[in-house]
Amino acid sequence: MKMVLVVYGSEADEEVVGAFKAAGIVRYTKLCEARGVGTETEPKLASRVWPGKNNVLLIGVADQEMPGILEVVHELKREHPRTGVKAFVMPVEELA
């Protein structure tokens, strides 16, 4: 099992969540108003100097579902390059 952490600009929330739903990925946890500094966009620190915020999706998936998840992420990066979509994958064990 894997945990996919997807970080993206909050202004693209409908597009990002919609892309995952269209791919059949409907289970996730969303964290809103995350702040941070990445490499593909300006910092998003919710300040006057660096406005903007990120959202974070946490998606727990079986190993065999990973290709579909990564395909969605790559497509989002192609279609919306300024949203700063970034994904990270971690191994995870389900406890309950």
N, C-alpha and C. Protein backbone atom coordinates (compact mmCIF):
# COMPACT_ATOMS: atom_id res chain seq x y z
N MET A 1 0.85 -1.17 0.00
CA MET A 1 0.00 0.00 0.00
C MET A 1 0.89 1.23 0.00
N LYS A 2 0.40 2.30 -0.64
CA LYS A 2 1.14 3.56 -0.74
C LYS A 2 0.27 4.72 -0.27
N MET A 3 0.95 5.76 0.20
CA MET A 3 0.29 7.03 0.51
C MET A 3 0.85 8.04 -0.48
N VAL A 4 -0.05 8.65 -1.25
CA VAL A 4 0.35 9.68 -2.20
C VAL A 4 -0.03 11.02 -1.61
N LEU A 5 0.94 11.91 -1.53
CA LEU A 5 0.73 13.26 -1.03
C LEU A 5 0.82 14.17 -2.25
N VAL A 6 -0.27 14.87 -2.54
CA VAL A 6 -0.33 15.75 -3.70
C VAL A 6 -0.49 17.19 -3.20
N VAL A 7 0.45 18.05 -3.56
CA VAL A 7 0.42 19.46 -3.17
C VAL A 7 0.15 20.28 -4.41
N TYR A 8 -0.75 21.27 -4.31
CA TYR A 8 -1.10 22.09 -5.47
C TYR A 8 -1.68 23.42 -5.01
N GLY A 9 -1.62 24.42 -5.88
CA GLY A 9 -2.19 25.72 -5.58
C GLY A 9 -3.69 25.63 -5.37
N SER A 10 -4.18 26.23 -4.30
CA SER A 10 -5.60 26.12 -3.95
C SER A 10 -6.52 26.68 -5.03
N GLU A 11 -6.01 27.59 -5.86
CA GLU A 11 -6.84 28.15 -6.93
C GLU A 11 -7.23 27.10 -7.97
N ALA A 12 -6.53 25.98 -8.00
CA ALA A 12 -6.82 24.91 -8.97
C ALA A 12 -7.56 23.74 -8.33
N ASP A 13 -8.18 23.96 -7.18
CA ASP A 13 -8.79 22.87 -6.43
C ASP A 13 -9.82 22.10 -7.26
N GLU A 14 -10.71 22.80 -7.93
CA GLU A 14 -11.75 22.10 -8.70
C GLU A 14 -11.16 21.23 -9.80
N GLU A 15 -10.14 21.75 -10.49
CA GLU A 15 -9.51 20.99 -11.57
C GLU A 15 -8.78 19.75 -11.04
N VAL A 16 -8.06 19.92 -9.94
CA VAL A 16 -7.28 18.81 -9.39
C VAL A 16 -8.20 17.72 -8.84
N VAL A 17 -9.12 18.09 -7.97
CA VAL A 17 -10.03 17.11 -7.39
C VAL A 17 -10.89 16.48 -8.50
N GLY A 18 -11.33 17.29 -9.45
CA GLY A 18 -12.12 16.77 -10.57
C GLY A 18 -11.37 15.76 -11.41
N ALA A 19 -10.08 16.00 -11.63
CA ALA A 19 -9.27 15.06 -12.42
C ALA A 19 -9.14 13.72 -11.71
N PHE A 20 -8.94 13.74 -10.40
CA PHE A 20 -8.86 12.47 -9.66
C PHE A 20 -10.20 11.76 -9.66
N LYS A 21 -11.29 12.49 -9.45
CA LYS A 21 -12.62 11.88 -9.46
C LYS A 21 -12.93 11.26 -10.82
N ALA A 22 -12.57 11.98 -11.90
CA ALA A 22 -12.81 11.46 -13.25
C ALA A 22 -12.03 10.17 -13.50
N ALA A 23 -10.90 10.01 -12.82
CA ALA A 23 -10.08 8.80 -12.95
C ALA A 23 -10.54 7.70 -12.00
N GLY A 24 -11.63 7.95 -11.25
CA GLY A 24 -12.16 6.93 -10.35
C GLY A 24 -11.55 6.95 -8.97
N ILE A 25 -10.77 7.96 -8.67
CA ILE A 25 -10.14 8.08 -7.35
C ILE A 25 -10.99 9.04 -6.53
N VAL A 26 -11.82 8.48 -5.66
CA VAL A 26 -12.79 9.29 -4.93
C VAL A 26 -12.55 9.31 -3.42
N ARG A 27 -11.58 8.53 -2.95
CA ARG A 27 -11.27 8.51 -1.52
C ARG A 27 -9.97 9.28 -1.29
N TYR A 28 -10.06 10.31 -0.45
CA TYR A 28 -8.87 11.12 -0.15
C TYR A 28 -9.15 11.94 1.10
N THR A 29 -8.10 12.49 1.66
CA THR A 29 -8.21 13.48 2.72
C THR A 29 -7.62 14.76 2.18
N LYS A 30 -8.34 15.88 2.34
CA LYS A 30 -7.84 17.16 1.84
C LYS A 30 -7.51 18.08 3.00
N LEU A 31 -6.32 18.64 2.95
CA LEU A 31 -5.88 19.65 3.91
C LEU A 31 -5.85 20.98 3.16
N CYS A 32 -6.55 21.96 3.66
CA CYS A 32 -6.65 23.25 2.98
C CYS A 32 -5.76 24.30 3.63
N GLU A 33 -5.41 25.28 2.83
CA GLU A 33 -4.65 26.46 3.27
C GLU A 33 -3.26 26.12 3.79
N ALA A 34 -2.61 25.17 3.15
CA ALA A 34 -1.21 24.87 3.50
C ALA A 34 -0.33 25.96 2.92
N ARG A 35 0.73 26.28 3.60
CA ARG A 35 1.68 27.28 3.13
C ARG A 35 3.02 26.63 2.91
N GLY A 36 3.77 27.16 1.91
CA GLY A 36 5.07 26.57 1.68
C GLY A 36 5.81 27.19 0.52
N VAL A 37 7.02 26.71 0.33
CA VAL A 37 7.90 27.16 -0.74
C VAL A 37 8.32 25.94 -1.52
N GLY A 38 8.09 25.97 -2.83
CA GLY A 38 8.47 24.86 -3.69
C GLY A 38 9.47 25.31 -4.73
N THR A 39 9.58 24.53 -5.79
CA THR A 39 10.56 24.83 -6.83
C THR A 39 9.92 25.27 -8.14
N GLU A 40 8.62 25.01 -8.33
CA GLU A 40 7.99 25.27 -9.62
C GLU A 40 7.14 26.53 -9.66
N THR A 41 6.81 27.10 -8.52
CA THR A 41 5.99 28.32 -8.46
C THR A 41 6.57 29.24 -7.40
N GLU A 42 6.01 30.43 -7.32
CA GLU A 42 6.40 31.36 -6.27
C GLU A 42 5.97 30.79 -4.92
N PRO A 43 6.61 31.23 -3.83
CA PRO A 43 6.17 30.79 -2.51
C PRO A 43 4.70 31.12 -2.29
N LYS A 44 4.03 30.28 -1.55
CA LYS A 44 2.63 30.51 -1.20
C LYS A 44 2.56 30.53 0.32
N LEU A 45 2.64 31.76 0.85
CA LEU A 45 2.73 31.92 2.30
C LEU A 45 1.58 32.74 2.88
N ALA A 46 0.56 33.02 2.08
CA ALA A 46 -0.63 33.76 2.53
C ALA A 46 -0.25 35.09 3.18
N SER A 47 0.73 35.77 2.59
CA SER A 47 1.16 37.07 3.11
C SER A 47 1.04 38.12 2.01
N ARG A 48 1.27 39.36 2.35
CA ARG A 48 1.23 40.42 1.33
C ARG A 48 2.33 40.22 0.29
N VAL A 49 3.48 39.83 0.75
CA VAL A 49 4.61 39.64 -0.16
C VAL A 49 4.45 38.37 -0.98
N TRP A 50 4.04 37.29 -0.35
CA TRP A 50 3.87 36.00 -1.03
C TRP A 50 2.44 35.51 -0.82
N PRO A 51 1.48 36.05 -1.60
CA PRO A 51 0.09 35.62 -1.43
C PRO A 51 -0.11 34.19 -1.95
N GLY A 52 -1.25 33.66 -1.66
CA GLY A 52 -1.60 32.33 -2.15
C GLY A 52 -1.44 31.27 -1.08
N LYS A 53 -2.14 30.16 -1.33
CA LYS A 53 -2.11 29.02 -0.42
C LYS A 53 -2.12 27.75 -1.24
N ASN A 54 -1.73 26.68 -0.62
CA ASN A 54 -1.78 25.36 -1.25
C ASN A 54 -2.86 24.52 -0.60
N ASN A 55 -3.27 23.48 -1.30
CA ASN A 55 -4.06 22.41 -0.72
C ASN A 55 -3.23 21.14 -0.83
N VAL A 56 -3.54 20.19 0.01
CA VAL A 56 -2.83 18.92 0.02
C VAL A 56 -3.84 17.80 0.02
N LEU A 57 -3.66 16.84 -0.89
CA LEU A 57 -4.48 15.63 -0.89
C LEU A 57 -3.63 14.48 -0.38
N LEU A 58 -4.17 13.70 0.53
CA LEU A 58 -3.55 12.46 0.98
C LEU A 58 -4.41 11.33 0.44
N ILE A 59 -3.81 10.48 -0.39
CA ILE A 59 -4.56 9.42 -1.05
C ILE A 59 -3.89 8.09 -0.74
N GLY A 60 -4.57 7.23 0.01
CA GLY A 60 -4.07 5.88 0.29
C GLY A 60 -4.54 4.93 -0.80
N VAL A 61 -3.60 4.25 -1.46
CA VAL A 61 -3.96 3.37 -2.57
C VAL A 61 -3.17 2.07 -2.52
N ALA A 62 -3.75 1.05 -3.11
CA ALA A 62 -3.04 -0.22 -3.29
C ALA A 62 -1.94 -0.01 -4.34
N ASP A 63 -0.89 -0.79 -4.24
CA ASP A 63 0.24 -0.65 -5.17
C ASP A 63 -0.19 -0.66 -6.63
N GLN A 64 -1.14 -1.51 -6.97
CA GLN A 64 -1.55 -1.63 -8.37
C GLN A 64 -2.30 -0.40 -8.88
N GLU A 65 -2.75 0.47 -7.97
CA GLU A 65 -3.44 1.71 -8.38
C GLU A 65 -2.48 2.85 -8.68
N MET A 66 -1.21 2.68 -8.36
CA MET A 66 -0.23 3.76 -8.52
C MET A 66 -0.10 4.27 -9.96
N PRO A 67 -0.06 3.42 -10.97
CA PRO A 67 0.06 3.96 -12.34
C PRO A 67 -1.05 4.95 -12.69
N GLY A 68 -2.29 4.67 -12.27
CA GLY A 68 -3.40 5.57 -12.55
C GLY A 68 -3.24 6.91 -11.85
N ILE A 69 -2.78 6.87 -10.59
CA ILE A 69 -2.55 8.10 -9.82
C ILE A 69 -1.48 8.94 -10.51
N LEU A 70 -0.38 8.32 -10.87
CA LEU A 70 0.72 9.06 -11.49
C LEU A 70 0.32 9.62 -12.84
N GLU A 71 -0.52 8.91 -13.56
CA GLU A 71 -1.01 9.41 -14.85
C GLU A 71 -1.82 10.69 -14.65
N VAL A 72 -2.67 10.72 -13.62
CA VAL A 72 -3.45 11.91 -13.32
C VAL A 72 -2.53 13.08 -12.99
N VAL A 73 -1.52 12.83 -12.16
CA VAL A 73 -0.60 13.89 -11.76
C VAL A 73 0.15 14.44 -12.98
N HIS A 74 0.65 13.56 -13.84
CA HIS A 74 1.37 14.02 -15.03
C HIS A 74 0.46 14.82 -15.96
N GLU A 75 -0.78 14.39 -16.10
CA GLU A 75 -1.73 15.12 -16.95
C GLU A 75 -2.04 16.50 -16.36
N LEU A 76 -2.21 16.58 -15.04
CA LEU A 76 -2.45 17.87 -14.39
C LEU A 76 -1.27 18.81 -14.60
N LYS A 77 -0.05 18.29 -14.49
CA LYS A 77 1.13 19.12 -14.69
C LYS A 77 1.20 19.64 -16.12
N ARG A 78 0.80 18.82 -17.09
CA ARG A 78 0.79 19.27 -18.49
C ARG A 78 -0.29 20.31 -18.74
N GLU A 79 -1.49 20.07 -18.23
CA GLU A 79 -2.61 20.96 -18.51
C GLU A 79 -2.61 22.23 -17.67
N HIS A 80 -2.04 22.17 -16.47
CA HIS A 80 -2.05 23.32 -15.55
C HIS A 80 -0.65 23.53 -14.96
N PRO A 81 0.30 23.95 -15.77
CA PRO A 81 1.69 24.04 -15.28
C PRO A 81 1.90 25.07 -14.18
N ARG A 82 1.06 26.09 -14.08
CA ARG A 82 1.27 27.12 -13.06
C ARG A 82 0.62 26.80 -11.71
N THR A 83 -0.03 25.65 -11.58
CA THR A 83 -0.65 25.30 -10.30
C THR A 83 0.34 24.69 -9.33
N GLY A 84 1.52 24.34 -9.82
CA GLY A 84 2.54 23.78 -8.94
C GLY A 84 2.20 22.39 -8.43
N VAL A 85 1.52 21.58 -9.22
CA VAL A 85 1.15 20.23 -8.77
C VAL A 85 2.42 19.41 -8.56
N LYS A 86 2.53 18.85 -7.38
CA LYS A 86 3.68 18.02 -7.03
C LYS A 86 3.16 16.82 -6.24
N ALA A 87 3.70 15.64 -6.52
CA ALA A 87 3.25 14.44 -5.81
C ALA A 87 4.44 13.71 -5.19
N PHE A 88 4.20 13.13 -4.05
CA PHE A 88 5.20 12.35 -3.32
C PHE A 88 4.55 11.03 -2.93
N VAL A 89 5.31 9.95 -2.98
CA VAL A 89 4.79 8.62 -2.67
C VAL A 89 5.57 8.04 -1.50
N MET A 90 4.84 7.49 -0.54
CA MET A 90 5.44 6.87 0.64
C MET A 90 4.82 5.51 0.88
N PRO A 91 5.61 4.54 1.31
CA PRO A 91 5.01 3.27 1.70
C PRO A 91 4.22 3.48 2.99
N VAL A 92 3.13 2.74 3.13
CA VAL A 92 2.29 2.89 4.31
C VAL A 92 1.67 1.54 4.67
N GLU A 93 1.43 1.34 5.94
CA GLU A 93 0.75 0.13 6.40
C GLU A 93 -0.57 0.52 7.02
N GLU A 94 -1.61 -0.20 6.66
CA GLU A 94 -2.92 0.05 7.23
C GLU A 94 -3.00 -0.64 8.59
N LEU A 95 -3.41 0.10 9.62
CA LEU A 95 -3.44 -0.46 10.97
C LEU A 95 -4.82 -0.95 11.39
N ALA A 96 -5.85 -0.33 10.88
CA ALA A 96 -7.20 -0.73 11.31
C ALA A 96 -8.14 -0.79 10.14
